[in-house]
Amino acid sequence: MQAGVTNIGITNAVQGRGFFYAPDPSSQLACMIGGNVSMNSGGAHCLKYGVTANNLLGLKIVTVDGEILDIGGEHLDAGGYDWLGLLTGSEGQLALVTEITVRILRSPEGARAMLAGFSSNEIAGECVDSIISSGIIPVALEFMDRPAIHACEAFAHAGYPLDAEAMLIIEVEGSPAEQDDLLARIRTICERHDPISLKVSQSAEESLAIWKGRKGAFGAIGRISPDYLCMDGVIPTRVCPTCCAASADVGRVWPEGCEHLPRRRRQPAPHHPVQSSNTRRKSEGAPCGRRDSEVVHRLRWLYHRRARRRPGQAEIPQGRTRPRGDRRHARGQAGA
């Protein structure tokens, strides 16, 4: 296919024959497969099926010299150098992608989603780690904090638990018997972490409603604030609880003028906090622009400190954005 085909267009073209294309970023209605290759896009279901790089077979590219090359083949892991791995995620810096050959998969027999609400971000993160450590790999496992829950519920009316501080969306697939077995095992794990609420969808329509809220996350933010900065980090599953709490810390101590929402975290590894603001207001626009990289460094530092902090060690001072003597931020600003 050519690079301008939309992500959802691939599945629409083959689903009538019982197939689908696995990577499904939130923008799949509009994003194009060429851009997915350049950014190595993932999506809600990359936990089980992988990201774009795991679902590519071949590329046709044009080099800076105008040479047309065919990379890859008709199956995964073609012989020779891994040029697909090099080009995927290179953000268009190495070549122009004009045609893409992707792997399509047989559609599952069925799928069901489950909502689990918890009293804190840390407890929800611990539950994520427990599920993955048990050997269960759900099709999707998504985290949303309280601001995200309320924003998405107001936008999509998906039935999210508004009394929860954090929520997990967990999806499994397979035959009805397989779904029942996996959901029962996951429910047992969730119950060890004292959930506020547990809800299992009973139909495809209920599952679609659950995902409507998640897929509409950025649209929901747009109803709150006209501007936002979304950050993207990858963390080990073992520090999920501490990192979820770290992003909440930033929201509590960030100065007035730019609101920080530790929005959501896709899967057990990628973490996507969102800083919202209204640059149309003079009081917000300038500080937010100057402090974008400051937020990134604060999050990085908080993640690092929380992951290493020993029991009884002092909490991070709220008046400081980074350790004294840390000049990385200043260098980054100069480089910008």
Protein backbone atom coordinates (compact mmCIF):
# COMPACT_ATOMS: atom_id res chain seq x y z
CA MET A 1 0.00 0.00 0.00
CA GLN A 2 1.08 3.61 -0.38
CA ALA A 3 2.19 5.74 2.55
CA GLY A 4 -0.99 7.86 2.55
CA VAL A 5 -3.35 5.03 3.53
CA THR A 6 -4.81 5.61 7.00
CA ASN A 7 -4.13 3.16 9.80
CA ILE A 8 -7.78 2.19 10.20
CA GLY A 9 -8.08 1.92 6.42
CA ILE A 10 -5.88 -1.19 6.46
CA THR A 11 -8.19 -3.06 8.85
CA ASN A 12 -11.27 -1.82 7.00
CA ALA A 13 -9.88 -3.29 3.78
CA VAL A 14 -9.34 -6.80 5.18
CA GLN A 15 -11.78 -7.27 8.05
CA GLY A 16 -14.45 -8.61 5.71
CA ARG A 17 -12.18 -11.61 5.17
CA GLY A 18 -11.52 -12.10 8.89
CA PHE A 19 -8.21 -10.22 9.25
CA PHE A 20 -6.98 -7.06 10.95
CA TYR A 21 -3.88 -4.86 11.30
CA ALA A 22 -2.73 -4.84 14.92
CA PRO A 23 -1.07 -1.46 15.70
CA ASP A 24 -3.87 0.97 16.60
CA PRO A 25 -2.72 4.40 17.78
CA SER A 26 -5.39 6.71 19.19
CA SER A 27 -5.27 8.76 15.99
CA GLN A 28 -5.85 5.73 13.77
CA LEU A 29 -8.84 7.34 12.06
CA ALA A 30 -6.58 10.05 10.63
CA CYS A 31 -2.93 8.99 10.95
CA MET A 32 -1.27 7.46 7.90
CA ILE A 33 0.78 4.30 7.70
CA GLY A 34 3.79 6.23 6.36
CA GLY A 35 3.81 8.35 9.50
CA ASN A 36 3.36 5.24 11.65
CA VAL A 37 6.51 3.78 10.09
CA SER A 38 8.46 7.01 10.63
CA MET A 39 7.44 7.18 14.32
CA ASN A 40 7.21 3.43 15.03
CA SER A 41 3.69 3.98 16.35
CA GLY A 42 2.12 1.57 18.80
CA GLY A 43 -1.38 1.77 20.22
CA ALA A 44 -3.58 0.26 22.88
CA HIS A 45 -3.00 -3.32 21.71
CA CYS A 46 0.78 -3.24 21.29
CA LEU A 47 1.18 -5.05 24.62
CA LYS A 48 0.34 -8.33 22.89
CA TYR A 49 0.93 -7.60 19.20
CA GLY A 50 3.85 -5.20 19.28
CA VAL A 51 4.38 -1.83 17.62
CA THR A 52 4.74 -0.95 13.94
CA ALA A 53 8.24 -2.47 13.72
CA ASN A 54 6.82 -5.85 14.78
CA ASN A 55 4.19 -5.78 12.04
CA LEU A 56 6.20 -4.67 9.01
CA LEU A 57 7.29 -6.96 6.19
CA GLY A 58 8.76 -4.56 3.66
CA LEU A 59 9.29 -0.95 2.57
CA LYS A 60 9.91 0.86 -0.67
CA ILE A 61 12.04 3.92 0.02
CA VAL A 62 13.65 6.79 -1.85
CA THR A 63 17.09 7.83 -0.59
CA VAL A 64 18.43 11.38 -0.48
CA ASP A 65 20.22 10.64 -3.77
CA GLY A 66 16.95 9.69 -5.43
CA GLU A 67 17.68 5.96 -5.46
CA ILE A 68 14.62 3.70 -5.08
CA LEU A 69 15.20 0.67 -2.86
CA ASP A 70 13.07 -2.27 -1.71
CA ILE A 71 13.72 -3.25 1.91
CA GLY A 72 12.53 -6.46 3.58
CA GLY A 73 10.46 -9.13 1.89
CA GLU A 74 7.29 -11.18 2.08
CA HIS A 75 7.89 -12.54 5.57
CA LEU A 76 9.17 -11.32 8.94
CA ASP A 77 12.91 -11.19 9.64
CA ALA A 78 14.19 -11.24 6.07
CA GLY A 79 17.84 -12.26 5.70
CA GLY A 80 20.72 -9.76 5.78
CA TYR A 81 21.06 -6.54 7.71
CA ASP A 82 18.02 -5.33 9.64
CA TRP A 83 17.33 -2.28 7.49
CA LEU A 84 13.66 -2.35 8.48
CA GLY A 85 14.65 -1.96 12.11
CA LEU A 86 16.91 0.97 11.24
CA LEU A 87 14.36 2.82 9.11
CA THR A 88 11.31 2.26 11.33
CA GLY A 89 11.15 5.07 13.84
CA SER A 90 13.83 7.16 12.09
CA GLU A 91 11.34 10.05 11.70
CA GLY A 92 12.02 10.41 7.97
CA GLN A 93 15.67 11.34 8.51
CA LEU A 94 17.14 8.45 6.50
CA ALA A 95 14.79 8.04 3.54
CA LEU A 96 11.34 8.82 2.19
CA VAL A 97 8.94 5.88 2.56
CA THR A 98 6.59 5.50 -0.43
CA GLU A 99 5.17 1.97 -0.09
CA ILE A 100 4.67 -0.34 2.89
CA THR A 101 3.97 -4.07 3.17
CA VAL A 102 2.45 -4.97 6.54
CA ARG A 103 1.56 -8.16 8.36
CA ILE A 104 -2.15 -8.74 8.85
CA LEU A 105 -3.46 -11.19 11.44
CA ARG A 106 -6.50 -13.41 11.75
CA SER A 107 -9.19 -11.62 13.77
CA PRO A 108 -9.77 -13.10 17.25
CA GLU A 109 -12.96 -14.98 18.01
CA GLY A 110 -13.98 -12.30 20.46
CA ALA A 111 -12.72 -9.79 23.04
CA ARG A 112 -13.97 -8.29 26.30
CA ALA A 113 -12.78 -5.36 28.39
CA MET A 114 -12.67 -4.90 32.14
CA LEU A 115 -12.51 -1.73 34.27
CA ALA A 116 -10.74 -1.72 37.63
CA GLY A 117 -10.81 1.40 39.84
CA PHE A 118 -8.27 1.98 42.64
CA SER A 119 -7.76 4.45 45.47
CA SER A 120 -4.34 5.70 44.28
CA ASN A 121 -2.02 5.79 41.27
CA GLU A 122 0.55 3.71 43.11
CA ILE A 123 -1.87 0.89 43.87
CA ALA A 124 -2.98 0.78 40.24
CA GLY A 125 0.68 0.61 39.19
CA GLU A 126 1.27 -2.26 41.61
CA CYS A 127 -1.67 -4.11 40.07
CA VAL A 128 -0.18 -3.67 36.58
CA ASP A 129 3.10 -5.15 37.78
CA SER A 130 1.26 -8.06 39.44
CA ILE A 131 -0.68 -8.91 36.27
CA ILE A 132 2.41 -8.92 34.05
CA SER A 133 4.48 -10.79 36.67
CA SER A 134 1.84 -13.54 36.81
CA GLY A 135 2.58 -14.43 33.18
CA ILE A 136 -0.75 -13.15 31.84
CA ILE A 137 -0.37 -10.91 28.79
CA PRO A 138 -3.66 -9.13 28.14
CA VAL A 139 -4.37 -7.73 24.69
CA ALA A 140 -4.38 -4.26 26.25
CA LEU A 141 -3.62 -2.83 29.69
CA GLU A 142 -4.18 0.92 30.09
CA PHE A 143 -3.84 3.30 33.02
CA MET A 144 -5.82 6.52 33.57
CA ASP A 145 -5.60 8.82 36.57
CA ARG A 146 -8.42 10.83 38.17
CA PRO A 147 -8.19 13.93 35.93
CA ALA A 148 -8.10 11.69 32.85
CA ILE A 149 -11.04 9.60 34.08
CA HIS A 150 -13.22 12.66 34.61
CA ALA A 151 -12.19 14.33 31.33
CA CYS A 152 -12.83 11.20 29.25
CA GLU A 153 -16.09 10.33 31.01
CA ALA A 154 -17.47 13.82 30.37
CA PHE A 155 -16.43 13.44 26.73
CA ALA A 156 -17.54 9.87 25.98
CA HIS A 157 -19.93 8.82 28.81
CA ALA A 158 -18.23 5.42 28.90
CA GLY A 159 -19.25 4.50 32.46
CA TYR A 160 -15.87 5.11 34.13
CA PRO A 161 -15.70 5.04 37.98
CA LEU A 162 -15.64 8.72 38.95
CA ASP A 163 -14.83 7.96 42.59
CA ALA A 164 -11.53 6.27 41.69
CA GLU A 165 -8.14 7.98 41.83
CA ALA A 166 -6.82 5.65 39.12
CA MET A 167 -8.30 3.15 36.71
CA LEU A 168 -7.10 0.26 34.56
CA ILE A 169 -8.67 -0.82 31.28
CA ILE A 170 -7.84 -4.49 30.75
CA GLU A 171 -8.82 -6.40 27.62
CA VAL A 172 -8.53 -10.10 26.81
CA GLU A 173 -9.48 -12.03 23.69
CA GLY A 174 -10.12 -15.56 22.49
CA SER A 175 -13.03 -17.98 22.69
CA PRO A 176 -15.76 -17.29 25.29
CA ALA A 177 -14.21 -19.92 27.56
CA GLU A 178 -10.73 -18.37 27.21
CA GLN A 179 -12.10 -14.92 27.93
CA ASP A 180 -13.90 -16.14 31.07
CA ASP A 181 -10.78 -17.90 32.33
CA LEU A 182 -8.45 -14.92 31.77
CA LEU A 183 -10.89 -12.41 33.24
CA ALA A 184 -11.39 -14.59 36.34
CA ARG A 185 -7.62 -14.83 36.88
CA ILE A 186 -7.13 -11.10 36.36
CA ARG A 187 -10.04 -10.32 38.68
CA THR A 188 -8.39 -12.41 41.42
CA ILE A 189 -5.15 -10.43 41.00
CA CYS A 190 -6.99 -7.10 41.08
CA GLU A 191 -8.84 -8.07 44.26
CA ARG A 192 -5.50 -8.44 46.06
CA HIS A 193 -5.05 -4.68 45.62
CA ASP A 194 -8.40 -3.66 47.20
CA PRO A 195 -10.09 -2.15 44.15
CA ILE A 196 -12.83 0.43 44.58
CA SER A 197 -14.74 -1.04 41.66
CA LEU A 198 -14.52 -3.91 39.16
CA LYS A 199 -16.65 -4.01 36.04
CA VAL A 200 -16.51 -6.54 33.19
CA SER A 201 -18.16 -5.70 29.88
CA GLN A 202 -20.90 -8.14 28.94
CA SER A 203 -21.14 -7.31 25.25
CA ALA A 204 -19.18 -5.95 22.31
CA GLU A 205 -21.13 -2.70 22.62
CA GLU A 206 -19.98 -2.20 26.23
CA SER A 207 -16.37 -2.85 25.22
CA LEU A 208 -16.65 -0.31 22.41
CA ALA A 209 -17.98 2.27 24.87
CA ILE A 210 -15.03 1.65 27.20
CA TRP A 211 -12.56 2.14 24.35
CA LYS A 212 -14.39 5.19 23.04
CA GLY A 213 -13.36 7.05 26.18
CA ARG A 214 -9.76 5.94 25.91
CA LYS A 215 -9.46 6.60 22.18
CA GLY A 216 -10.95 10.05 22.67
CA ALA A 217 -8.47 11.07 25.35
CA PHE A 218 -6.90 13.97 23.47
CA GLY A 219 -10.28 15.21 22.30
CA ALA A 220 -11.34 15.17 25.94
CA ILE A 221 -8.33 17.29 26.91
CA GLY A 222 -9.32 19.78 24.21
CA ARG A 223 -12.60 20.39 26.06
CA ILE A 224 -10.61 21.38 29.16
CA SER A 225 -7.77 23.38 27.65
CA PRO A 226 -6.96 24.50 24.10
CA ASP A 227 -3.25 23.70 24.41
CA TYR A 228 -1.26 20.81 25.83
CA LEU A 229 2.16 19.22 25.76
CA CYS A 230 2.24 15.41 25.68
CA MET A 231 5.43 13.71 26.82
CA ASP A 232 6.51 10.17 26.06
CA GLY A 233 8.76 8.05 28.26
CA VAL A 234 9.41 4.31 28.62
CA ILE A 235 9.75 2.80 32.08
CA PRO A 236 10.41 -0.73 33.44
CA THR A 237 7.29 -2.48 34.72
CA ARG A 238 8.84 -2.89 38.17
CA VAL A 239 8.82 0.88 38.74
CA CYS A 240 5.28 1.45 37.45
CA PRO A 241 3.96 2.29 40.95
CA THR A 242 6.70 4.82 41.73
CA CYS A 243 6.54 6.47 38.32
CA CYS A 244 2.76 6.84 38.45
CA ALA A 245 3.16 8.55 41.81
CA ALA A 246 6.02 10.69 40.47
CA SER A 247 3.90 12.17 37.70
CA ALA A 248 1.20 12.96 40.25
CA ASP A 249 3.85 14.78 42.34
CA VAL A 250 4.55 17.10 39.41
CA GLY A 251 0.87 17.96 39.21
CA ARG A 252 0.82 18.89 42.90
CA VAL A 253 3.90 21.12 42.95
CA TRP A 254 3.79 22.75 39.52
CA PRO A 255 3.47 26.54 39.73
CA GLU A 256 0.19 28.28 38.97
CA GLY A 257 -0.31 29.10 35.31
CA CYS A 258 0.31 25.71 33.67
CA GLU A 259 -1.75 22.74 34.80
CA HIS A 260 -0.03 19.36 34.65
CA LEU A 261 -2.20 16.27 34.26
CA PRO A 262 -0.43 12.93 34.64
CA ARG A 263 -2.86 11.91 31.92
CA ARG A 264 -2.42 8.31 31.06
CA ARG A 265 0.05 5.54 30.62
CA ARG A 266 -0.28 3.17 27.70
CA GLN A 267 0.70 -0.39 28.56
CA PRO A 268 3.13 -1.32 31.32
CA ALA A 269 6.06 0.53 29.72
CA PRO A 270 5.23 3.79 27.88
CA HIS A 271 4.21 6.71 30.08
CA HIS A 272 2.42 9.80 28.72
CA PRO A 273 1.92 12.69 31.14
CA VAL A 274 0.19 15.72 29.61
CA GLN A 275 0.77 19.34 30.59
CA SER A 276 -2.25 21.49 29.68
CA SER A 277 -2.42 25.26 29.40
CA ASN A 278 -4.13 28.11 27.61
CA THR A 279 -1.58 30.09 25.62
CA ARG A 280 -4.30 32.59 24.69
CA ARG A 281 -3.96 33.96 28.18
CA LYS A 282 -0.81 36.04 28.63
CA SER A 283 -0.43 34.77 32.18
CA GLU A 284 -0.22 31.16 30.97
CA GLY A 285 1.26 31.19 27.48
CA ALA A 286 4.71 32.52 28.23
CA PRO A 287 5.46 30.45 31.38
CA CYS A 288 4.24 27.27 29.72
CA GLY A 289 6.47 27.80 26.70
CA ARG A 290 9.52 28.43 28.86
CA ARG A 291 8.87 25.50 31.16
CA ASP A 292 8.09 22.72 28.71
CA SER A 293 11.56 21.21 29.03
CA GLU A 294 11.54 21.93 32.78
CA VAL A 295 8.57 19.55 33.13
CA VAL A 296 10.47 16.85 31.25
CA HIS A 297 13.52 17.22 33.51
CA ARG A 298 11.41 17.27 36.67
CA LEU A 299 9.66 14.06 35.64
CA ARG A 300 12.97 12.43 34.74
CA TRP A 301 14.45 13.37 38.07
CA LEU A 302 11.41 12.28 40.06
CA TYR A 303 11.35 8.92 38.25
CA HIS A 304 15.04 8.42 38.96
CA ARG A 305 14.79 9.40 42.62
CA ARG A 306 11.65 7.36 43.30
CA ALA A 307 13.05 4.27 41.63
CA ARG A 308 16.18 4.44 43.80
CA ARG A 309 14.84 5.87 47.08
CA ARG A 310 15.42 3.62 50.04
CA PRO A 311 12.82 3.05 52.77
CA GLY A 312 12.82 5.99 55.16
CA GLN A 313 14.66 8.29 52.76
CA ALA A 314 13.36 11.85 52.65
CA GLU A 315 10.79 12.88 50.07
CA ILE A 316 11.77 15.24 47.24
CA PRO A 317 11.67 18.90 48.32
CA GLN A 318 8.73 20.62 46.64
CA GLY A 319 10.55 23.90 46.19
CA ARG A 320 13.19 22.49 43.82
CA THR A 321 12.69 21.33 40.27
CA ARG A 322 16.01 19.47 39.99
CA PRO A 323 19.09 18.70 42.10
CA ARG A 324 21.49 21.57 42.73
CA GLY A 325 24.33 21.52 40.26
CA ASP A 326 22.25 19.76 37.59
CA ARG A 327 23.04 21.83 34.48
CA ARG A 328 21.38 19.54 31.94
CA HIS A 329 18.31 21.76 31.79
CA ALA A 330 20.36 24.90 31.14
CA ARG A 331 22.28 23.15 28.38
CA GLY A 332 19.02 21.92 26.85
CA GLN A 333 17.60 25.42 26.84
CA ALA A 334 20.71 26.79 25.19
CA GLY A 335 20.60 24.05 22.58
CA ALA A 336 16.97 24.84 21.81
